[in-house]
């Protein structure tokens, strides 16, 4: 009984302070929408068929970074640009390839 009285008193005081704070709150202004182009764009994909083979070119911001080659016979493989110099390396499986993230901090 001795413990319940202080507990009831503490709950009453905390409820009273919560209600007084709730009356002083002001509504938050609406959050503006994100600026155009702030989201990561999806890559542009160009599909070409030559001699029975299918080439899918992946570009981001106009920069070609990957080509998926699906030959008429055999499994598909990828040509991946690991540097901006345009040199492509053949990768048979993208999941197993070690793709090191490379970020562009500044560009002109």
PDB file of N, CA and C in Angstrom:
ATOM      1  N   UNK A   1       0.826  -1.186   0.000  1.00  0.00           N
ATOM      2  CA  UNK A   1       0.000   0.000   0.000  1.00  0.00           C
ATOM      3  C   UNK A   1       0.873   1.253   0.000  1.00  0.00           C
ATOM      4  N   UNK A   2       1.993   1.165   0.712  1.00  0.00           N
ATOM      5  CA  UNK A   2       2.871   2.327   0.781  1.00  0.00           C
ATOM      6  C   UNK A   2       3.504   2.618  -0.579  1.00  0.00           C
ATOM      7  N   UNK A   3       3.700   1.585  -1.383  1.00  0.00           N
ATOM      8  CA  UNK A   3       4.327   1.786  -2.694  1.00  0.00           C
ATOM      9  C   UNK A   3       3.326   2.264  -3.739  1.00  0.00           C
ATOM     10  N   UNK A   4       2.073   1.961  -3.598  1.00  0.00           N
ATOM     11  CA  UNK A   4       1.087   2.341  -4.607  1.00  0.00           C
ATOM     12  C   UNK A   4       0.749   3.824  -4.567  1.00  0.00           C
ATOM     13  N   UNK A   5       0.772   4.430  -3.405  1.00  0.00           N
ATOM     14  CA  UNK A   5       0.443   5.863  -3.309  1.00  0.00           C
ATOM     15  C   UNK A   5       1.487   6.704  -4.043  1.00  0.00           C
ATOM     16  N   UNK A   6       2.798   6.503  -3.820  1.00  0.00           N
ATOM     17  CA  UNK A   6       3.765   7.284  -4.603  1.00  0.00           C
ATOM     18  C   UNK A   6       3.687   6.982  -6.102  1.00  0.00           C
ATOM     19  N   UNK A   7       3.364   5.749  -6.445  1.00  0.00           N
ATOM     20  CA  UNK A   7       3.246   5.387  -7.857  1.00  0.00           C
ATOM     21  C   UNK A   7       2.074   6.119  -8.505  1.00  0.00           C
ATOM     22  N   UNK A   8       0.947   6.161  -7.831  1.00  0.00           N
ATOM     23  CA  UNK A   8      -0.224   6.872  -8.352  1.00  0.00           C
ATOM     24  C   UNK A   8       0.068   8.363  -8.447  1.00  0.00           C
ATOM     25  N   UNK A   9       0.762   8.910  -7.467  1.00  0.00           N
ATOM     26  CA  UNK A   9       1.123  10.325  -7.475  1.00  0.00           C
ATOM     27  C   UNK A   9       2.060  10.634  -8.641  1.00  0.00           C
ATOM     28  N   UNK A  10       3.039   9.776  -8.872  1.00  0.00           N
ATOM     29  CA  UNK A  10       3.983   9.986  -9.973  1.00  0.00           C
ATOM     30  C   UNK A  10       3.278   9.904 -11.325  1.00  0.00           C
ATOM     31  N   UNK A  11       2.386   8.943 -11.486  1.00  0.00           N
ATOM     32  CA  UNK A  11       1.642   8.820 -12.738  1.00  0.00           C
ATOM     33  C   UNK A  11       0.743  10.024 -12.974  1.00  0.00           C
ATOM     34  N   UNK A  12       0.123  10.534 -11.925  1.00  0.00           N
ATOM     35  CA  UNK A  12      -0.751  11.701 -12.045  1.00  0.00           C
ATOM     36  C   UNK A  12       0.047  12.931 -12.463  1.00  0.00           C
ATOM     37  N   UNK A  13       1.206  13.129 -11.849  1.00  0.00           N
ATOM     38  CA  UNK A  13       2.042  14.283 -12.196  1.00  0.00           C
ATOM     39  C   UNK A  13       2.571  14.180 -13.626  1.00  0.00           C
ATOM     40  N   UNK A  14       2.986  12.987 -14.028  1.00  0.00           N
ATOM     41  CA  UNK A  14       3.503  12.836 -15.393  1.00  0.00           C
ATOM     42  C   UNK A  14       2.394  13.028 -16.423  1.00  0.00           C
ATOM     43  N   UNK A  15       1.191  12.573 -16.111  1.00  0.00           N
ATOM     44  CA  UNK A  15       0.060  12.767 -17.013  1.00  0.00           C
ATOM     45  C   UNK A  15      -0.290  14.245 -17.117  1.00  0.00           C
ATOM     46  N   UNK A  16      -0.263  14.948 -15.995  1.00  0.00           N
ATOM     47  CA  UNK A  16      -0.574  16.381 -16.002  1.00  0.00           C
ATOM     48  C   UNK A  16       0.468  17.156 -16.801  1.00  0.00           C
ATOM     49  N   UNK A  17       1.739  16.814 -16.643  1.00  0.00           N
ATOM     50  CA  UNK A  17       2.780  17.528 -17.391  1.00  0.00           C
ATOM     51  C   UNK A  17       2.693  17.207 -18.881  1.00  0.00           C
ATOM     52  N   UNK A  18       2.341  15.982 -19.222  1.00  0.00           N
ATOM     53  CA  UNK A  18       2.189  15.609 -20.629  1.00  0.00           C
ATOM     54  C   UNK A  18       1.039  16.370 -21.269  1.00  0.00           C
ATOM     55  N   UNK A  19      -0.068  16.502 -20.560  1.00  0.00           N
ATOM     56  CA  UNK A  19      -1.211  17.236 -21.097  1.00  0.00           C
ATOM     57  C   UNK A  19      -0.898  18.714 -21.259  1.00  0.00           C
ATOM     58  N   UNK A  20      -0.150  19.293 -20.323  1.00  0.00           N
ATOM     59  CA  UNK A  20       0.187  20.711 -20.443  1.00  0.00           C
ATOM     60  C   UNK A  20       1.141  20.939 -21.612  1.00  0.00           C
ATOM     61  N   UNK A  21       2.056  19.993 -21.864  1.00  0.00           N
ATOM     62  CA  UNK A  21       2.954  20.119 -23.012  1.00  0.00           C
ATOM     63  C   UNK A  21       2.198  19.942 -24.323  1.00  0.00           C
ATOM     64  N   UNK A  22       1.211  19.064 -24.332  1.00  0.00           N
ATOM     65  CA  UNK A  22       0.450  18.810 -25.552  1.00  0.00           C
ATOM     66  C   UNK A  22      -0.345  20.045 -25.969  1.00  0.00           C
ATOM     67  N   UNK A  23      -0.762  20.864 -25.015  1.00  0.00           N
ATOM     68  CA  UNK A  23      -1.526  22.057 -25.345  1.00  0.00           C
ATOM     69  C   UNK A  23      -0.628  23.140 -25.934  1.00  0.00           C
ATOM     70  N   UNK A  24       0.674  23.117 -25.653  1.00  0.00           N
ATOM     71  CA  UNK A  24       1.592  24.143 -26.131  1.00  0.00           C
ATOM     72  C   UNK A  24       2.213  23.794 -27.486  1.00  0.00           C
ATOM     73  N   UNK A  25       1.957  22.606 -28.012  1.00  0.00           N
ATOM     74  CA  UNK A  25       2.573  22.190 -29.267  1.00  0.00           C
ATOM     75  C   UNK A  25       1.998  22.954 -30.445  1.00  0.00           C
ATOM     76  N   UNK A  26       2.856  23.230 -31.422  1.00  0.00           N
ATOM     77  CA  UNK A  26       2.439  23.889 -32.648  1.00  0.00           C
ATOM     78  C   UNK A  26       2.547  22.884 -33.792  1.00  0.00           C
ATOM     79  N   UNK A  27       1.687  22.985 -34.784  1.00  0.00           N
ATOM     80  CA  UNK A  27       1.770  22.034 -35.903  1.00  0.00           C
ATOM     81  C   UNK A  27       3.056  22.249 -36.707  1.00  0.00           C
ATOM     82  N   UNK A  28       3.574  21.159 -37.228  1.00  0.00           N
ATOM     83  CA  UNK A  28       4.798  21.205 -38.031  1.00  0.00           C
ATOM     84  C   UNK A  28       4.429  21.577 -39.460  1.00  0.00           C
ATOM     85  N   UNK A  29       5.251  22.407 -40.067  1.00  0.00           N
ATOM     86  CA  UNK A  29       5.013  22.798 -41.450  1.00  0.00           C
ATOM     87  C   UNK A  29       5.182  21.579 -42.356  1.00  0.00           C
ATOM     88  N   UNK A  30       4.498  21.600 -43.486  1.00  0.00           N
ATOM     89  CA  UNK A  30       4.580  20.492 -44.432  1.00  0.00           C
ATOM     90  C   UNK A  30       6.010  20.349 -44.951  1.00  0.00           C
ATOM     91  N   UNK A  31       6.435  19.125 -45.124  1.00  0.00           N
ATOM     92  CA  UNK A  31       7.775  18.854 -45.649  1.00  0.00           C
ATOM     93  C   UNK A  31       7.749  19.077 -47.155  1.00  0.00           C
ATOM     94  N   UNK A  32       8.684  19.885 -47.680  1.00  0.00           N
ATOM     95  CA  UNK A  32       8.681  20.128 -49.123  1.00  0.00           C
ATOM     96  C   UNK A  32       9.110  18.867 -49.877  1.00  0.00           C
ATOM     97  N   UNK A  33       8.655  18.711 -51.110  1.00  0.00           N
ATOM     98  CA  UNK A  33       9.059  17.534 -51.887  1.00  0.00           C
ATOM     99  C   UNK A  33      10.543  17.615 -52.233  1.00  0.00           C
ATOM    100  N   UNK A  34      11.190  16.478 -52.487  1.00  0.00           N
ATOM    101  CA  UNK A  34      12.609  16.508 -52.838  1.00  0.00           C
ATOM    102  C   UNK A  34      12.803  17.205 -54.181  1.00  0.00           C
ATOM    103  N   UNK A  35      13.959  17.812 -54.389  1.00  0.00           N
ATOM    104  CA  UNK A  35      14.200  18.498 -55.656  1.00  0.00           C
ATOM    105  C   UNK A  35      14.224  17.508 -56.817  1.00  0.00           C
ATOM    106  N   UNK A  36      13.936  18.011 -57.990  1.00  0.00           N
ATOM    107  CA  UNK A  36      13.919  17.153 -59.180  1.00  0.00           C
ATOM    108  C   UNK A  36      15.313  16.598 -59.428  1.00  0.00           C
ATOM    109  N   UNK A  37      15.385  15.326 -59.718  1.00  0.00           N
ATOM    110  CA  UNK A  37      16.672  14.691 -59.991  1.00  0.00           C
ATOM    111  C   UNK A  37      17.415  14.260 -58.751  1.00  0.00           C
ATOM    112  N   UNK A  38      16.810  14.392 -57.584  1.00  0.00           N
ATOM    113  CA  UNK A  38      17.497  14.005 -56.355  1.00  0.00           C
ATOM    114  C   UNK A  38      17.544  12.495 -56.199  1.00  0.00           C
ATOM    115  N   UNK A  39      16.567  11.810 -56.755  1.00  0.00           N
ATOM    116  CA  UNK A  39      16.562  10.354 -56.666  1.00  0.00           C
ATOM    117  C   UNK A  39      17.579   9.775 -57.642  1.00  0.00           C
ATOM    118  N   UNK A  40      18.079   8.603 -57.320  1.00  0.00           N
ATOM    119  CA  UNK A  40      19.006   7.940 -58.224  1.00  0.00           C
ATOM    120  C   UNK A  40      18.248   7.528 -59.480  1.00  0.00           C
ATOM    121  N   UNK A  41      18.707   7.977 -60.627  1.00  0.00           N
ATOM    122  CA  UNK A  41      18.003   7.615 -61.850  1.00  0.00           C
ATOM    123  C   UNK A  41      18.274   6.156 -62.220  1.00  0.00           C
ATOM    124  N   UNK A  42      17.338   5.583 -62.935  1.00  0.00           N
ATOM    125  CA  UNK A  42      17.542   4.233 -63.428  1.00  0.00           C
ATOM    126  C   UNK A  42      18.419   4.308 -64.673  1.00  0.00           C
ATOM    127  N   UNK A  43      19.190   3.269 -64.933  1.00  0.00           N
ATOM    128  CA  UNK A  43      20.066   3.313 -66.108  1.00  0.00           C
ATOM    129  C   UNK A  43      19.258   3.256 -67.408  1.00  0.00           C
ATOM    130  N   UNK A  44      19.826   3.865 -68.436  1.00  0.00           N
ATOM    131  CA  UNK A  44      19.240   3.775 -69.763  1.00  0.00           C
ATOM    132  C   UNK A  44      19.738   2.474 -70.385  1.00  0.00           C
ATOM    133  N   UNK A  45      18.839   1.686 -70.933  1.00  0.00           N
ATOM    134  CA  UNK A  45      19.213   0.400 -71.514  1.00  0.00           C
ATOM    135  C   UNK A  45      18.900   0.434 -73.003  1.00  0.00           C
ATOM    136  N   UNK A  46      19.928   0.169 -73.812  1.00  0.00           N
ATOM    137  CA  UNK A  46      19.774   0.086 -75.257  1.00  0.00           C
ATOM    138  C   UNK A  46      19.991  -1.359 -75.665  1.00  0.00           C
ATOM    139  N   UNK A  47      19.018  -1.945 -76.364  1.00  0.00           N
ATOM    140  CA  UNK A  47      19.101  -3.345 -76.775  1.00  0.00           C
ATOM    141  C   UNK A  47      19.334  -3.394 -78.277  1.00  0.00           C
ATOM    142  N   UNK A  48      20.380  -4.144 -78.661  1.00  0.00           N
ATOM    143  CA  UNK A  48      20.715  -4.307 -80.075  1.00  0.00           C
ATOM    144  C   UNK A  48      20.867  -5.786 -80.381  1.00  0.00           C
ATOM    145  N   UNK A  49      20.378  -6.191 -81.540  1.00  0.00           N
ATOM    146  CA  UNK A  49      20.524  -7.569 -82.000  1.00  0.00           C
ATOM    147  C   UNK A  49      21.403  -7.565 -83.245  1.00  0.00           C
ATOM    148  N   UNK A  50      22.488  -8.347 -83.203  1.00  0.00           N
ATOM    149  CA  UNK A  50      23.405  -8.441 -84.341  1.00  0.00           C
ATOM    150  C   UNK A  50      23.790  -9.899 -84.551  1.00  0.00           C
ATOM    151  N   UNK A  51      23.473 -10.410 -85.704  1.00  0.00           N
ATOM    152  CA  UNK A  51      23.885 -11.765 -86.058  1.00  0.00           C
ATOM    153  C   UNK A  51      23.390 -12.830 -85.091  1.00  0.00           C
ATOM    154  N   UNK A  52      22.241 -12.647 -84.513  1.00  0.00           N
ATOM    155  CA  UNK A  52      21.707 -13.620 -83.566  1.00  0.00           C
ATOM    156  C   UNK A  52      22.136 -13.374 -82.129  1.00  0.00           C
ATOM    157  N   UNK A  53      23.111 -12.495 -81.926  1.00  0.00           N
ATOM    158  CA  UNK A  53      23.542 -12.151 -80.569  1.00  0.00           C
ATOM    159  C   UNK A  53      22.765 -10.924 -80.094  1.00  0.00           C
ATOM    160  N   UNK A  54      22.579 -10.844 -78.799  1.00  0.00           N
ATOM    161  CA  UNK A  54      21.851  -9.715 -78.212  1.00  0.00           C
ATOM    162  C   UNK A  54      22.798  -8.932 -77.311  1.00  0.00           C
ATOM    163  N   UNK A  55      22.852  -7.608 -77.503  1.00  0.00           N
ATOM    164  CA  UNK A  55      23.697  -6.723 -76.712  1.00  0.00           C
ATOM    165  C   UNK A  55      22.803  -5.745 -75.967  1.00  0.00           C
ATOM    166  N   UNK A  56      22.951  -5.701 -74.648  1.00  0.00           N
ATOM    167  CA  UNK A  56      22.210  -4.749 -73.826  1.00  0.00           C
ATOM    168  C   UNK A  56      23.219  -3.783 -73.219  1.00  0.00           C
ATOM    169  N   UNK A  57      23.135  -2.513 -73.616  1.00  0.00           N
ATOM    170  CA  UNK A  57      24.076  -1.495 -73.143  1.00  0.00           C
ATOM    171  C   UNK A  57      23.424  -0.712 -72.006  1.00  0.00           C
ATOM    172  N   UNK A  58      24.113  -0.628 -70.894  1.00  0.00           N
ATOM    173  CA  UNK A  58      23.619   0.082 -69.713  1.00  0.00           C
ATOM    174  C   UNK A  58      24.394   1.388 -69.566  1.00  0.00           C
ATOM    175  N   UNK A  59      23.666   2.500 -69.540  1.00  0.00           N
ATOM    176  CA  UNK A  59      24.280   3.825 -69.399  1.00  0.00           C
ATOM    177  C   UNK A  59      23.655   4.551 -68.215  1.00  0.00           C
ATOM    178  N   UNK A  60      24.508   5.303 -67.520  1.00  0.00           N
ATOM    179  CA  UNK A  60      24.054   6.149 -66.423  1.00  0.00           C
ATOM    180  C   UNK A  60      24.660   7.522 -66.632  1.00  0.00           C
ATOM    181  N   UNK A  61      23.826   8.538 -66.744  1.00  0.00           N
ATOM    182  CA  UNK A  61      24.251   9.909 -67.056  1.00  0.00           C
ATOM    183  C   UNK A  61      25.017   9.946 -68.374  1.00  0.00           C
ATOM    184  N   UNK A  62      24.594   9.130 -69.343  1.00  0.00           N
ATOM    185  CA  UNK A  62      25.233   9.105 -70.650  1.00  0.00           C
ATOM    186  C   UNK A  62      26.533   8.329 -70.705  1.00  0.00           C
ATOM    187  N   UNK A  63      26.975   7.770 -69.605  1.00  0.00           N
ATOM    188  CA  UNK A  63      28.245   7.038 -69.521  1.00  0.00           C
ATOM    189  C   UNK A  63      27.962   5.536 -69.603  1.00  0.00           C
ATOM    190  N   UNK A  64      28.547   4.857 -70.598  1.00  0.00           N
ATOM    191  CA  UNK A  64      28.391   3.417 -70.745  1.00  0.00           C
ATOM    192  C   UNK A  64      29.230   2.723 -69.688  1.00  0.00           C
ATOM    193  N   UNK A  65      28.579   1.891 -68.845  1.00  0.00           N
ATOM    194  CA  UNK A  65      29.322   1.232 -67.775  1.00  0.00           C
ATOM    195  C   UNK A  65      29.217  -0.284 -67.814  1.00  0.00           C
ATOM    196  N   UNK A  66      28.267  -0.847 -68.577  1.00  0.00           N
ATOM    197  CA  UNK A  66      28.145  -2.298 -68.624  1.00  0.00           C
ATOM    198  C   UNK A  66      27.434  -2.714 -69.903  1.00  0.00           C
ATOM    199  N   UNK A  67      27.879  -3.849 -70.463  1.00  0.00           N
ATOM    200  CA  UNK A  67      27.235  -4.439 -71.628  1.00  0.00           C
ATOM    201  C   UNK A  67      26.958  -5.896 -71.304  1.00  0.00           C
ATOM    202  N   UNK A  68      25.714  -6.313 -71.483  1.00  0.00           N
ATOM    203  CA  UNK A  68      25.364  -7.722 -71.314  1.00  0.00           C
ATOM    204  C   UNK A  68      25.280  -8.333 -72.702  1.00  0.00           C
ATOM    205  N   UNK A  69      26.069  -9.378 -72.925  1.00  0.00           N
ATOM    206  CA  UNK A  69      26.110 -10.046 -74.218  1.00  0.00           C
ATOM    207  C   UNK A  69      25.444 -11.406 -74.059  1.00  0.00           C
ATOM    208  N   UNK A  70      24.402 -11.634 -74.846  1.00  0.00           N
ATOM    209  CA  UNK A  70      23.720 -12.927 -74.848  1.00  0.00           C
ATOM    210  C   UNK A  70      23.916 -13.543 -76.229  1.00  0.00           C
ATOM    211  N   UNK A  71      24.883 -14.467 -76.359  1.00  0.00           N
ATOM    212  CA  UNK A  71      25.117 -15.073 -77.672  1.00  0.00           C
ATOM    213  C   UNK A  71      23.994 -16.045 -78.042  1.00  0.00           C
ATOM    214  N   UNK A  72      23.924 -16.346 -79.326  1.00  0.00           N
ATOM    215  CA  UNK A  72      22.901 -17.275 -79.791  1.00  0.00           C
ATOM    216  C   UNK A  72      23.090 -18.640 -79.139  1.00  0.00           C
ATOM    217  N   UNK A  73      24.337 -19.055 -78.980  1.00  0.00           N
ATOM    218  CA  UNK A  73      24.660 -20.335 -78.347  1.00  0.00           C
ATOM    219  C   UNK A  73      25.591 -20.054 -77.176  1.00  0.00           C
ATOM    220  N   UNK A  74      25.275 -20.581 -76.012  1.00  0.00           N
ATOM    221  CA  UNK A  74      26.134 -20.403 -74.847  1.00  0.00           C
ATOM    222  C   UNK A  74      25.523 -19.463 -73.827  1.00  0.00           C
ATOM    223  N   UNK A  75      26.162 -19.390 -72.658  1.00  0.00           N
ATOM    224  CA  UNK A  75      25.625 -18.539 -71.589  1.00  0.00           C
ATOM    225  C   UNK A  75      25.944 -17.060 -71.821  1.00  0.00           C
ATOM    226  N   UNK A  76      25.144 -16.229 -71.204  1.00  0.00           N
ATOM    227  CA  UNK A  76      25.363 -14.783 -71.288  1.00  0.00           C
ATOM    228  C   UNK A  76      26.556 -14.388 -70.431  1.00  0.00           C
ATOM    229  N   UNK A  77      27.214 -13.298 -70.817  1.00  0.00           N
ATOM    230  CA  UNK A  77      28.316 -12.753 -70.034  1.00  0.00           C
ATOM    231  C   UNK A  77      28.230 -11.235 -70.076  1.00  0.00           C
ATOM    232  N   UNK A  78      28.998 -10.600 -69.216  1.00  0.00           N
ATOM    233  CA  UNK A  78      28.954  -9.149 -69.072  1.00  0.00           C
ATOM    234  C   UNK A  78      30.319  -8.551 -69.377  1.00  0.00           C
ATOM    235  N   UNK A  79      30.319  -7.381 -69.971  1.00  0.00           N
ATOM    236  CA  UNK A  79      31.517  -6.566 -70.129  1.00  0.00           C
ATOM    237  C   UNK A  79      31.315  -5.360 -69.217  1.00  0.00           C
ATOM    238  N   UNK A  80      32.161  -5.250 -68.196  1.00  0.00           N
ATOM    239  CA  UNK A  80      31.979  -4.231 -67.165  1.00  0.00           C
ATOM    240  C   UNK A  80      33.148  -3.263 -67.201  1.00  0.00           C
ATOM    241  N   UNK A  81      32.839  -1.977 -67.189  1.00  0.00           N
ATOM    242  CA  UNK A  81      33.869  -0.942 -67.125  1.00  0.00           C
ATOM    243  C   UNK A  81      34.177  -0.662 -65.663  1.00  0.00           C
ATOM    244  N   UNK A  82      35.369  -0.992 -65.242  1.00  0.00           N
ATOM    245  CA  UNK A  82      35.750  -0.773 -63.841  1.00  0.00           C
ATOM    246  C   UNK A  82      36.358   0.610 -63.634  1.00  0.00           C
ATOM    247  N   UNK A  83      36.773   1.244 -64.708  1.00  0.00           N
ATOM    248  CA  UNK A  83      37.334   2.595 -64.635  1.00  0.00           C
ATOM    249  C   UNK A  83      36.635   3.440 -65.684  1.00  0.00           C
ATOM    250  N   UNK A  84      36.821   4.720 -65.605  1.00  0.00           N
ATOM    251  CA  UNK A  84      36.165   5.612 -66.556  1.00  0.00           C
ATOM    252  C   UNK A  84      36.912   5.702 -67.881  1.00  0.00           C
ATOM    253  N   UNK A  85      38.013   4.996 -68.024  1.00  0.00           N
ATOM    254  CA  UNK A  85      38.793   5.054 -69.256  1.00  0.00           C
ATOM    255  C   UNK A  85      38.143   4.344 -70.425  1.00  0.00           C
ATOM    256  N   UNK A  86      37.137   3.525 -70.185  1.00  0.00           N
ATOM    257  CA  UNK A  86      36.453   2.837 -71.259  1.00  0.00           C
ATOM    258  C   UNK A  86      36.930   1.417 -71.483  1.00  0.00           C
ATOM    259  N   UNK A  87      37.906   0.941 -70.715  1.00  0.00           N
ATOM    260  CA  UNK A  87      38.367  -0.438 -70.847  1.00  0.00           C
ATOM    261  C   UNK A  87      37.370  -1.353 -70.144  1.00  0.00           C
ATOM    262  N   UNK A  88      36.923  -2.377 -70.853  1.00  0.00           N
ATOM    263  CA  UNK A  88      35.935  -3.298 -70.298  1.00  0.00           C
ATOM    264  C   UNK A  88      36.585  -4.636 -69.977  1.00  0.00           C
ATOM    265  N   UNK A  89      36.115  -5.249 -68.904  1.00  0.00           N
ATOM    266  CA  UNK A  89      36.586  -6.576 -68.508  1.00  0.00           C
ATOM    267  C   UNK A  89      35.413  -7.540 -68.586  1.00  0.00           C
ATOM    268  N   UNK A  90      35.716  -8.763 -69.028  1.00  0.00           N
ATOM    269  CA  UNK A  90      34.661  -9.775 -69.138  1.00  0.00           C
ATOM    270  C   UNK A  90      34.397 -10.399 -67.779  1.00  0.00           C
ATOM    271  N   UNK A  91      33.121 -10.488 -67.437  1.00  0.00           N
ATOM    272  CA  UNK A  91      32.684 -11.089 -66.178  1.00  0.00           C
ATOM    273  C   UNK A  91      31.586 -12.085 -66.531  1.00  0.00           C
ATOM    274  N   UNK A  92      31.739 -13.325 -66.085  1.00  0.00           N
ATOM    275  CA  UNK A  92      30.726 -14.337 -66.400  1.00  0.00           C
ATOM    276  C   UNK A  92      29.525 -14.261 -65.470  1.00  0.00           C
ATOM    277  N   UNK A  93      29.747 -13.873 -64.224  1.00  0.00           N
ATOM    278  CA  UNK A  93      28.657 -13.830 -63.252  1.00  0.00           C
ATOM    279  C   UNK A  93      28.808 -12.562 -62.422  1.00  0.00           C
ATOM    280  N   UNK A  94      27.814 -11.681 -62.466  1.00  0.00           N
ATOM    281  CA  UNK A  94      27.914 -10.415 -61.731  1.00  0.00           C
ATOM    282  C   UNK A  94      27.907 -10.624 -60.230  1.00  0.00           C
ATOM    283  N   UNK A  95      27.254 -11.682 -59.736  1.00  0.00           N
ATOM    284  CA  UNK A  95      27.201 -11.914 -58.295  1.00  0.00           C
ATOM    285  C   UNK A  95      28.573 -12.254 -57.739  1.00  0.00           C
ATOM    286  N   UNK A  96      29.363 -12.978 -58.500  1.00  0.00           N
ATOM    287  CA  UNK A  96      30.686 -13.392 -58.019  1.00  0.00           C
ATOM    288  C   UNK A  96      31.760 -12.344 -58.274  1.00  0.00           C
ATOM    289  N   UNK A  97      31.487 -11.415 -59.163  1.00  0.00           N
ATOM    290  CA  UNK A  97      32.482 -10.386 -59.477  1.00  0.00           C
ATOM    291  C   UNK A  97      32.627  -9.437 -58.299  1.00  0.00           C
ATOM    292  N   UNK A  98      33.841  -9.056 -58.042  1.00  0.00           N
ATOM    293  CA  UNK A  98      34.079  -8.107 -56.957  1.00  0.00           C
ATOM    294  C   UNK A  98      33.995  -6.704 -57.536  1.00  0.00           C
ATOM    295  N   UNK A  99      32.867  -6.091 -57.305  1.00  0.00           N
ATOM    296  CA  UNK A  99      32.640  -4.741 -57.800  1.00  0.00           C
ATOM    297  C   UNK A  99      32.911  -3.762 -56.665  1.00  0.00           C
ATOM    298  N   UNK A 100      33.992  -3.037 -56.763  1.00  0.00           N
ATOM    299  CA  UNK A 100      34.354  -2.066 -55.741  1.00  0.00           C
ATOM    300  C   UNK A 100      33.605  -0.770 -56.035  1.00  0.00           C
ATOM    301  N   UNK A 101      32.868  -0.231 -55.056  1.00  0.00           N
ATOM    302  CA  UNK A 101      32.144   1.017 -55.296  1.00  0.00           C
ATOM    303  C   UNK A 101      33.109   2.160 -55.607  1.00  0.00           C
ATOM    304  N   UNK A 102      32.776   2.922 -56.626  1.00  0.00           N
ATOM    305  CA  UNK A 102      33.577   4.083 -56.999  1.00  0.00           C
ATOM    306  C   UNK A 102      32.622   5.261 -57.137  1.00  0.00           C
ATOM    307  N   UNK A 103      32.824   6.263 -56.315  1.00  0.00           N
ATOM    308  CA  UNK A 103      31.949   7.424 -56.316  1.00  0.00           C
ATOM    309  C   UNK A 103      32.638   8.590 -57.001  1.00  0.00           C
ATOM    310  N   UNK A 104      31.859   9.408 -57.661  1.00  0.00           N
ATOM    311  CA  UNK A 104      32.363  10.628 -58.268  1.00  0.00           C
ATOM    312  C   UNK A 104      32.040  11.763 -57.312  1.00  0.00           C
ATOM    313  N   UNK A 105      33.077  12.408 -56.790  1.00  0.00           N
ATOM    314  CA  UNK A 105      32.857  13.503 -55.855  1.00  0.00           C
ATOM    315  C   UNK A 105      32.629  14.819 -56.585  1.00  0.00           C
ATOM    316  N   UNK A 106      33.445  15.084 -57.583  1.00  0.00           N
ATOM    317  CA  UNK A 106      33.307  16.304 -58.360  1.00  0.00           C
ATOM    318  C   UNK A 106      33.450  15.959 -59.834  1.00  0.00           C
ATOM    319  N   UNK A 107      32.682  16.632 -60.689  1.00  0.00           N
ATOM    320  CA  UNK A 107      32.848  16.452 -62.128  1.00  0.00           C
ATOM    321  C   UNK A 107      32.548  17.777 -62.810  1.00  0.00           C
ATOM    322  N   UNK A 108      33.221  18.004 -63.907  1.00  0.00           N
ATOM    323  CA  UNK A 108      33.043  19.237 -64.656  1.00  0.00           C
ATOM    324  C   UNK A 108      32.540  18.903 -66.019  1.00  0.00           C
TER     325      UNK A 108
END
